[in-house]
Structure formats: structure tokens, C-alpha cells
Amino acid sequence: MLIRVVRMTFKEEHVAAFLEIFKASREQIASFTGCRSVELLQDYHLPHVYSTYSLWDSDEALDNYRKSEFFGTVWKPTKALFSEPAQAFSFKPAEV
């Protein structure tokens, strides 16, 4: 399993536009082959900073989504709303 966290900082005046994009695309992302779930988190102290938290079956499943035409239709308008570049992190459960 791959855990993907993408932290996005928006221009404050564009937060509502981002939330509309997310609402419109969340179910399609979650139904993409290999995606187990997608959640949206808001920074506790910085209300214009959001992160997506998604679970994927594999790195390959995430890559297939990122190479899809649908990803381009969601990411391009989202990226235009940023006040700084997004940060993406990939994790796996730790074995202890």
C-alpha cells in the first residue's frame, strides 16, 4: 500500500474555487483503479493550506492515475490557484 500526501497552499481568495474542484472530482479520483480512498485535510492554523491524503494499492496505481487524462483536467486548474508549489510525499506503513 502507498500513502500519498499532497500539501497545497492556496491564495486565500481561491480557496472556494479549489473546494469546488475537489468536490466535483473526489468521487472520480476515489473510483480510479487502485485508489482505496481520498480525504481532504485543512491545516489547523493556516486555513488556506490543504492536504489530500490518499491510499493506493501500489506506486504503479498512483502513477497510472497521474498519467491519466483525468488527472490533467483536475491538476491544471488546481495548480493555478496555488500561492506556492505543492509538496508531495509518499509513505508506506512502517514495520516495527
Protein backbone atom coordinates (compact mmCIF):
# COMPACT_ATOMS: atom_id res chain seq x y z
CA MET A 1 0.00 0.00 0.00
CA LEU A 2 1.14 3.54 -0.78
CA ILE A 3 0.01 6.55 1.23
CA ARG A 4 0.17 9.82 -0.69
CA VAL A 5 0.02 13.21 1.00
CA VAL A 6 -0.03 16.35 -1.15
CA ARG A 7 0.18 19.68 0.72
CA MET A 8 -1.19 22.64 -1.19
CA THR A 9 -1.04 26.31 -0.22
CA PHE A 10 -3.67 28.43 -1.93
CA LYS A 11 -4.13 32.11 -2.43
CA GLU A 12 -6.78 32.88 0.18
CA GLU A 13 -9.17 34.27 -2.43
CA HIS A 14 -9.00 30.96 -4.36
CA VAL A 15 -9.86 28.53 -1.56
CA ALA A 16 -13.56 28.35 -2.51
CA ALA A 17 -12.65 27.58 -6.13
CA PHE A 18 -10.37 24.76 -5.01
CA LEU A 19 -13.06 23.29 -2.77
CA GLU A 20 -15.45 23.22 -5.73
CA ILE A 21 -12.86 21.42 -7.87
CA PHE A 22 -12.26 18.89 -5.10
CA LYS A 23 -15.97 18.26 -4.51
CA ALA A 24 -16.52 17.73 -8.23
CA SER A 25 -13.60 15.31 -8.66
CA ARG A 26 -13.28 13.44 -5.34
CA GLU A 27 -15.52 10.51 -6.25
CA GLN A 28 -13.88 10.06 -9.63
CA ILE A 29 -10.44 10.00 -8.01
CA ALA A 30 -11.62 7.53 -5.37
CA SER A 31 -13.07 5.24 -8.05
CA PHE A 32 -9.84 5.22 -10.07
CA THR A 33 -8.32 1.75 -10.36
CA GLY A 34 -6.06 1.13 -7.39
CA CYS A 35 -7.31 4.01 -5.23
CA ARG A 36 -8.69 2.90 -1.88
CA SER A 37 -9.67 6.31 -0.50
CA VAL A 38 -9.16 10.07 -0.77
CA GLU A 39 -9.51 12.52 2.09
CA LEU A 40 -9.11 16.29 2.29
CA LEU A 41 -7.43 17.83 5.33
CA GLN A 42 -7.25 21.51 6.27
CA ASP A 43 -4.30 22.88 8.21
CA TYR A 44 -5.34 23.62 11.76
CA HIS A 45 -3.65 27.03 11.94
CA LEU A 46 -3.48 28.06 8.27
CA PRO A 47 -6.98 27.82 6.76
CA HIS A 48 -5.73 28.36 3.19
CA VAL A 49 -3.48 25.26 3.36
CA TYR A 50 -4.99 21.89 2.47
CA SER A 51 -3.63 18.40 2.02
CA THR A 52 -5.01 15.40 0.25
CA TYR A 53 -4.45 12.05 1.92
CA SER A 54 -4.97 9.11 -0.41
CA LEU A 55 -4.38 5.37 -0.17
CA TRP A 56 -3.26 3.46 -3.26
CA ASP A 57 -2.72 -0.22 -3.91
CA SER A 58 0.73 0.47 -5.33
CA ASP A 59 3.13 3.01 -6.79
CA GLU A 60 2.04 1.78 -10.21
CA ALA A 61 -1.62 2.55 -9.47
CA LEU A 62 -0.73 6.10 -8.40
CA ASP A 63 1.45 6.58 -11.49
CA ASN A 64 -1.36 5.37 -13.75
CA TYR A 65 -3.67 7.95 -12.19
CA ARG A 66 -1.06 10.70 -12.51
CA LYS A 67 -0.58 9.85 -16.21
CA SER A 68 -4.32 9.82 -16.91
CA GLU A 69 -6.18 12.44 -18.90
CA PHE A 70 -8.48 12.96 -15.92
CA PHE A 71 -5.54 13.94 -13.66
CA GLY A 72 -4.61 16.68 -16.12
CA THR A 73 -8.13 18.09 -16.07
CA VAL A 74 -8.05 18.30 -12.26
CA TRP A 75 -4.43 19.22 -11.54
CA LYS A 76 -4.01 22.06 -14.04
CA PRO A 77 -6.86 24.24 -12.70
CA THR A 78 -5.94 23.35 -9.10
CA LYS A 79 -2.29 24.29 -9.62
CA ALA A 80 -3.33 27.69 -10.99
CA LEU A 81 -4.80 28.54 -7.56
CA PHE A 82 -1.59 27.96 -5.57
CA SER A 83 0.37 30.69 -3.84
CA GLU A 84 3.43 28.38 -3.73
CA PRO A 85 4.34 24.99 -5.21
CA ALA A 86 2.68 21.90 -3.79
CA GLN A 87 4.66 19.37 -1.77
CA ALA A 88 4.01 15.67 -2.33
CA PHE A 89 5.08 12.82 -0.07
CA SER A 90 4.72 9.06 -0.46
CA PHE A 91 4.69 6.74 2.57
CA LYS A 92 4.22 3.11 3.42
CA PRO A 93 3.27 1.62 6.77
CA ALA A 94 6.35 1.14 8.91
CA GLU A 95 7.29 -2.33 10.02
CA VAL A 96 8.25 -2.28 13.68
